[in-house]
Protein backbone atom coordinates (compact mmCIF):
# COMPACT_ATOMS: atom_id res chain seq x y z
CA MET A 1 49.60 110.95 39.05
CA ALA A 2 47.19 108.70 38.15
CA GLY A 3 43.92 108.85 40.19
CA PRO A 4 42.47 105.69 41.81
CA PRO A 5 41.13 102.99 39.68
CA ARG A 6 37.26 103.26 38.77
CA HIS A 7 35.06 100.01 39.08
CA ARG A 8 32.73 99.41 36.00
CA GLN A 9 29.05 99.10 37.25
CA THR A 10 27.64 95.97 35.92
CA ARG A 11 23.81 96.20 34.94
CA PRO A 12 22.07 93.43 36.43
CA LEU A 13 20.66 90.54 34.01
CA PRO A 14 17.14 90.81 33.20
CA PRO A 15 14.98 87.93 34.71
CA THR A 16 14.37 85.09 32.68
CA SER A 17 10.83 85.76 32.40
CA VAL A 18 11.60 88.89 30.67
CA LEU A 19 13.65 87.27 27.91
CA SER A 20 11.35 84.54 26.83
CA ASN A 21 8.27 87.15 27.10
CA THR A 22 10.74 89.18 24.62
CA SER A 23 11.51 86.23 22.24
CA ALA A 24 7.43 85.43 22.44
CA SER A 25 6.77 88.66 21.44
CA LYS A 26 9.44 88.47 18.67
CA HIS A 27 7.94 85.37 17.32
CA SER A 28 4.43 86.63 17.15
CA GLN A 29 5.47 89.82 15.33
CA GLN A 30 6.58 87.48 12.26
CA PRO A 31 4.75 87.97 9.33
CA ILE A 32 1.81 85.77 8.47
CA SER A 33 1.87 84.48 4.91
CA LEU A 34 -0.84 85.30 2.68
CA PRO A 35 -2.66 81.69 2.39
CA LYS A 36 -3.01 81.83 6.34
CA ARG A 37 -4.69 85.45 6.22
CA LEU A 38 -6.68 84.80 3.12
CA LEU A 39 -7.42 81.26 3.39
CA PHE A 40 -7.05 80.07 6.88
CA PRO A 41 -7.67 83.35 9.11
CA ASN A 42 -8.65 81.15 12.14
CA LEU A 43 -5.73 79.01 11.69
CA PRO A 44 -2.99 79.92 14.76
CA PRO A 45 0.03 81.73 13.42
CA THR A 46 2.40 78.82 14.59
CA ALA A 47 0.63 76.10 12.96
CA ASP A 48 1.40 74.58 9.50
CA LEU A 49 -1.08 74.88 6.55
CA PRO A 50 -3.36 71.70 6.03
CA ASP A 51 -2.36 69.36 3.43
CA LEU A 52 -3.90 69.81 0.22
CA LEU A 53 -2.78 66.90 -2.15
CA ALA A 54 -3.70 63.26 0.00
CA SER A 55 -0.63 61.80 -1.31
CA PRO A 56 1.54 61.13 1.65
CA SER A 57 4.79 61.06 -0.80
CA VAL A 58 3.97 64.96 -1.80
CA PRO A 59 6.81 67.30 -0.21
CA PRO A 60 5.41 70.00 1.95
CA GLU A 61 7.01 72.61 -0.13
CA LEU A 62 4.54 71.84 -2.93
CA ASN A 63 1.35 72.36 -1.04
CA ARG A 64 2.76 75.71 0.19
CA GLU A 65 3.54 76.82 -3.23
CA LEU A 66 -0.13 75.49 -4.33
CA TYR A 67 -1.73 77.45 -1.60
CA GLU A 68 0.15 80.56 -2.43
CA PHE A 69 -0.92 79.97 -6.25
CA ILE A 70 -4.38 79.32 -4.87
CA ALA A 71 -4.13 82.81 -2.20
CA LEU A 72 -2.64 85.05 -5.31
CA SER A 73 -5.70 83.93 -7.47
CA LEU A 74 -8.46 84.49 -4.79
CA ARG A 75 -6.85 87.61 -4.23
CA ALA A 76 -6.90 88.85 -8.01
CA PHE A 77 -10.05 87.47 -8.86
CA VAL A 78 -12.25 87.19 -5.71
CA SER A 79 -11.29 89.78 -3.03
CA SER A 80 -11.17 92.98 -5.83
CA TRP A 81 -14.80 92.71 -5.89
CA TRP A 82 -16.19 91.05 -2.81
CA SER A 83 -14.18 93.27 -0.48
CA LYS A 84 -16.47 96.20 -2.23
CA ILE A 85 -19.52 93.97 -1.13
CA THR A 86 -18.48 93.20 2.74
CA ARG A 87 -14.66 94.38 4.46
CA TYR A 88 -15.52 92.12 7.12
CA ASP A 89 -16.61 88.34 5.79
CA LYS A 90 -13.92 86.10 6.64
CA GLU A 91 -15.84 82.91 5.49
CA PHE A 92 -16.09 83.19 2.01
CA LEU A 93 -12.40 82.67 0.93
CA PRO A 94 -12.16 79.61 2.96
CA GLU A 95 -15.12 78.25 1.78
CA ILE A 96 -13.80 78.62 -1.81
CA THR A 97 -10.68 77.13 -0.62
CA ARG A 98 -12.55 74.13 0.62
CA ILE A 99 -14.28 73.28 -2.58
CA LEU A 100 -10.98 73.61 -4.61
CA THR A 101 -9.27 71.38 -2.27
CA VAL A 102 -12.03 68.85 -3.07
CA VAL A 103 -11.38 69.17 -6.64
CA VAL A 104 -7.66 69.10 -6.65
CA ARG A 105 -7.98 65.90 -4.22
CA ALA A 106 -10.38 64.16 -6.66
CA LEU A 107 -8.17 64.87 -9.84
CA GLU A 108 -5.20 63.93 -7.50
CA ALA A 109 -6.76 60.50 -7.20
CA ARG A 110 -7.98 59.95 -10.67
CA ILE A 111 -4.29 60.96 -11.71
CA LEU A 112 -2.80 58.41 -9.50
CA ALA A 113 -5.02 55.99 -10.71
CA THR A 114 -4.41 56.18 -14.28
CA ASP A 115 -1.95 54.68 -16.31
CA LEU A 116 -0.20 57.92 -18.42
CA SER A 117 2.28 55.89 -19.81
CA PRO A 118 0.28 55.84 -23.46
CA LEU A 119 -0.43 59.44 -23.35
CA VAL A 120 3.06 60.58 -22.38
CA PHE A 121 4.91 58.04 -24.93
CA ARG A 122 2.61 57.93 -27.82
CA ASP A 123 -0.44 60.70 -27.72
CA ILE A 124 1.71 63.53 -27.02
CA PRO A 125 4.53 62.57 -29.51
CA THR A 126 2.47 61.68 -32.40
CA LEU A 127 0.70 65.44 -31.63
CA VAL A 128 3.81 67.28 -31.36
CA THR A 129 4.94 65.43 -34.59
CA GLN A 130 1.72 66.17 -36.74
CA HIS A 131 1.88 69.91 -35.72
CA TYR A 132 5.65 70.26 -36.57
CA ARG A 133 4.97 68.60 -40.07
CA ASP A 134 1.87 70.90 -40.54
CA TYR A 135 3.76 74.05 -39.57
CA ARG A 136 6.32 72.96 -42.33
CA ASP A 137 3.76 72.57 -44.63
CA ALA A 138 2.30 75.96 -44.06
CA GLU A 139 5.54 77.70 -44.02
CA ALA A 140 6.22 76.26 -47.50
CA LYS A 141 2.80 77.36 -48.75
CA LEU A 142 3.67 81.08 -47.76
CA SER A 143 3.69 83.76 -51.11
CA THR A 144 2.16 80.73 -53.12
CA SER A 145 -0.87 80.07 -54.82
CA TYR A 146 -2.13 77.69 -52.05
CA ALA A 147 -2.08 80.62 -49.90
CA SER A 148 -4.97 82.86 -51.44
CA GLY A 149 -2.51 84.07 -53.73
CA GLY A 150 0.28 84.92 -51.35
CA ALA A 151 -2.34 87.05 -49.12
CA ALA A 152 -3.08 84.21 -46.67
CA SER A 153 -0.65 84.66 -43.41
CA LEU A 154 1.32 81.74 -41.50
CA PRO A 155 -1.19 81.31 -38.59
CA GLN A 156 -4.05 81.26 -41.02
CA LEU A 157 -2.48 78.68 -43.27
CA PHE A 158 -1.68 76.58 -40.32
CA HIS A 159 -5.21 76.83 -38.91
CA GLN A 160 -6.21 75.42 -42.11
CA LEU A 161 -4.12 72.51 -41.49
CA GLN A 162 -4.97 72.15 -37.58
CA PRO A 163 -8.57 73.66 -37.10
CA HIS A 164 -9.61 73.58 -33.65
CA MET A 165 -12.93 75.03 -32.29
CA ALA A 166 -11.15 76.37 -29.45
CA LEU A 167 -8.72 78.71 -31.21
CA SER A 168 -9.44 81.05 -34.24
CA ALA A 169 -6.95 81.52 -37.17
CA ASP A 170 -5.32 84.58 -35.30
CA GLY A 171 -4.53 82.37 -31.92
CA ARG A 172 -7.54 83.80 -30.22
CA ILE A 173 -8.79 81.54 -27.49
CA ASP A 174 -12.65 80.75 -27.12
CA GLU A 175 -13.48 81.04 -23.69
CA GLU A 176 -16.87 79.50 -23.80
CA TYR A 177 -15.06 76.28 -24.88
CA PHE A 178 -12.80 76.29 -21.68
CA ARG A 179 -15.86 77.36 -19.26
CA GLN A 180 -17.52 74.16 -20.46
CA ILE A 181 -14.71 72.08 -19.55
CA VAL A 182 -14.08 73.26 -16.26
CA ASP A 183 -17.89 72.92 -15.89
CA HIS A 184 -17.49 68.90 -16.69
CA ILE A 185 -14.53 68.96 -14.66
CA LEU A 186 -16.37 70.12 -11.65
CA LYS A 187 -19.42 68.03 -12.18
CA SER A 188 -17.13 64.95 -12.28
CA CYS A 189 -15.15 66.24 -9.09
CA LEU A 190 -17.42 67.69 -6.66
CA PRO A 191 -20.26 66.27 -5.08
CA PRO A 192 -24.08 67.29 -5.46
CA GLU A 193 -24.31 69.44 -2.57
CA ASP A 194 -21.10 71.56 -3.96
CA TYR A 195 -22.13 71.31 -7.44
CA ASP A 196 -26.07 71.72 -7.87
CA PRO A 197 -25.97 75.06 -6.23
CA GLU A 198 -25.43 77.28 -9.29
CA PRO A 199 -24.06 80.67 -7.73
CA GLU A 200 -21.31 78.40 -6.02
CA ARG A 201 -20.42 76.71 -9.08
CA TYR A 202 -20.04 79.79 -11.22
CA ILE A 203 -17.65 81.31 -8.90
CA ILE A 204 -15.41 78.22 -8.78
CA ARG A 205 -15.75 77.93 -12.38
CA GLU A 206 -14.73 81.64 -13.16
CA ILE A 207 -12.09 81.11 -10.89
CA VAL A 208 -10.47 78.39 -12.43
CA LEU A 209 -11.12 80.16 -15.89
CA LYS A 210 -9.62 83.22 -15.48
CA VAL A 211 -6.51 81.98 -13.91
CA VAL A 212 -5.71 79.14 -16.87
CA LEU A 213 -6.84 81.55 -19.66
CA THR A 214 -5.17 84.62 -18.05
CA ASP A 215 -1.88 83.43 -16.30
CA VAL A 216 -1.18 79.52 -17.48
CA ILE A 217 -1.85 79.47 -21.15
CA PRO A 218 -0.33 82.60 -22.10
CA LYS A 219 2.59 81.77 -20.06
CA VAL A 220 3.39 78.15 -20.98
CA THR A 221 2.79 78.70 -24.72
CA GLN A 222 5.77 81.50 -24.94
CA PRO A 223 8.93 79.76 -26.16
CA TRP A 224 11.31 81.16 -23.04
CA PHE A 225 8.84 79.30 -20.89
CA LEU A 226 9.12 75.67 -22.73
CA GLN A 227 13.04 76.20 -23.35
CA LYS A 228 13.21 76.89 -19.39
CA THR A 229 11.46 73.95 -18.61
CA ILE A 230 13.32 71.48 -20.61
CA LEU A 231 16.94 73.13 -19.50
CA ASP A 232 15.47 72.81 -15.52
CA ILE A 233 14.85 69.04 -16.32
CA LEU A 234 17.99 68.14 -17.71
CA GLY A 235 19.96 69.92 -15.02
CA LEU A 236 23.18 71.78 -14.91
CA GLU A 237 26.14 69.99 -16.22
CA GLN A 238 29.09 69.40 -13.72
CA ASN A 239 32.09 70.74 -16.00
CA THR A 240 29.96 74.11 -16.46
CA SER A 241 31.91 77.46 -16.88
CA PRO A 242 30.99 80.32 -14.36
CA SER A 243 29.10 81.96 -17.48
CA LYS A 244 26.82 81.04 -19.87
CA VAL A 245 25.83 82.92 -23.28
CA SER A 246 21.99 83.05 -23.11
CA ARG A 247 19.99 84.62 -25.77
CA ASP A 248 18.27 87.84 -25.20
CA ILE A 249 14.29 86.69 -25.64
CA THR A 250 13.26 90.51 -26.55
CA GLY A 251 15.96 90.61 -29.32
CA ASN A 252 18.35 89.16 -31.56
CA ASN A 253 21.80 90.35 -29.56
CA TRP A 254 23.62 87.32 -27.25
CA THR A 255 24.72 88.40 -24.25
CA ALA A 256 26.86 86.27 -21.39
CA ARG A 257 25.30 86.54 -18.28
CA PRO A 258 26.54 84.59 -15.10
CA PHE A 259 24.12 82.33 -13.30
CA ALA A 260 24.19 79.50 -10.60
CA SER A 261 21.17 77.11 -11.86
CA CYS A 262 20.43 75.90 -15.35
CA SER A 263 17.59 78.08 -16.09
CA LEU A 264 17.23 80.71 -18.77
CA CYS A 265 17.48 83.74 -18.15
CA LEU A 266 14.06 85.74 -18.55
CA PRO A 267 14.12 88.93 -20.53
CA SER A 268 15.62 92.12 -18.72
CA ARG A 269 12.69 94.45 -17.67
């Protein structure tokens, strides 16, 4: 025989203030981005990053990526030694960011005011063509009397045809050459009150130098980076099979790797 029916006890809903406080606490617990923690420590968590580029047509995504790049660079080349001097200073990195912002905006204004057509359509193609021809000429001279009786290597032969004071025959970069270039750029972009103090100028110069020589040049000179950039610019064809055959850059094997976007697969780690 069935017993009397039981009535479920319904729990009372929490008041609206409790729900709003809970959502606010969850919102406040969201992780703060690296640029806000390092570059703008006094910026409210919900506030947007200030514009790095002055042009109104610049998408917000580009500003965020540039700030991420600056924050990673300062964390790698400044925080590693500045935190050993003082752990409580919160003004040094924002001040460096302010100076870098002045340099970036000055370069942006000059680039927008300059006609880049001769550089893109005349100078760069001429340089690329000349380098290609000199490389083929150096390759043809290998193991001949023109190569010091066959003792000279391909980089040495190419360096004889394309000598440059910033590069040695074995491909090593002269840091002093790029250091002087960066110093001249800072002199042209910074106001006197920011350029005249030597410690401030040296720190900014060495940061830019380390980023360019350590991260930028070694990457942009790699064949896989150039191929990936070309494929990204060309875009993905409409009638594309779900898998593409891409070459394993670390070896000579060919492997089929599915991908959704037109980008060259990087070497597997």
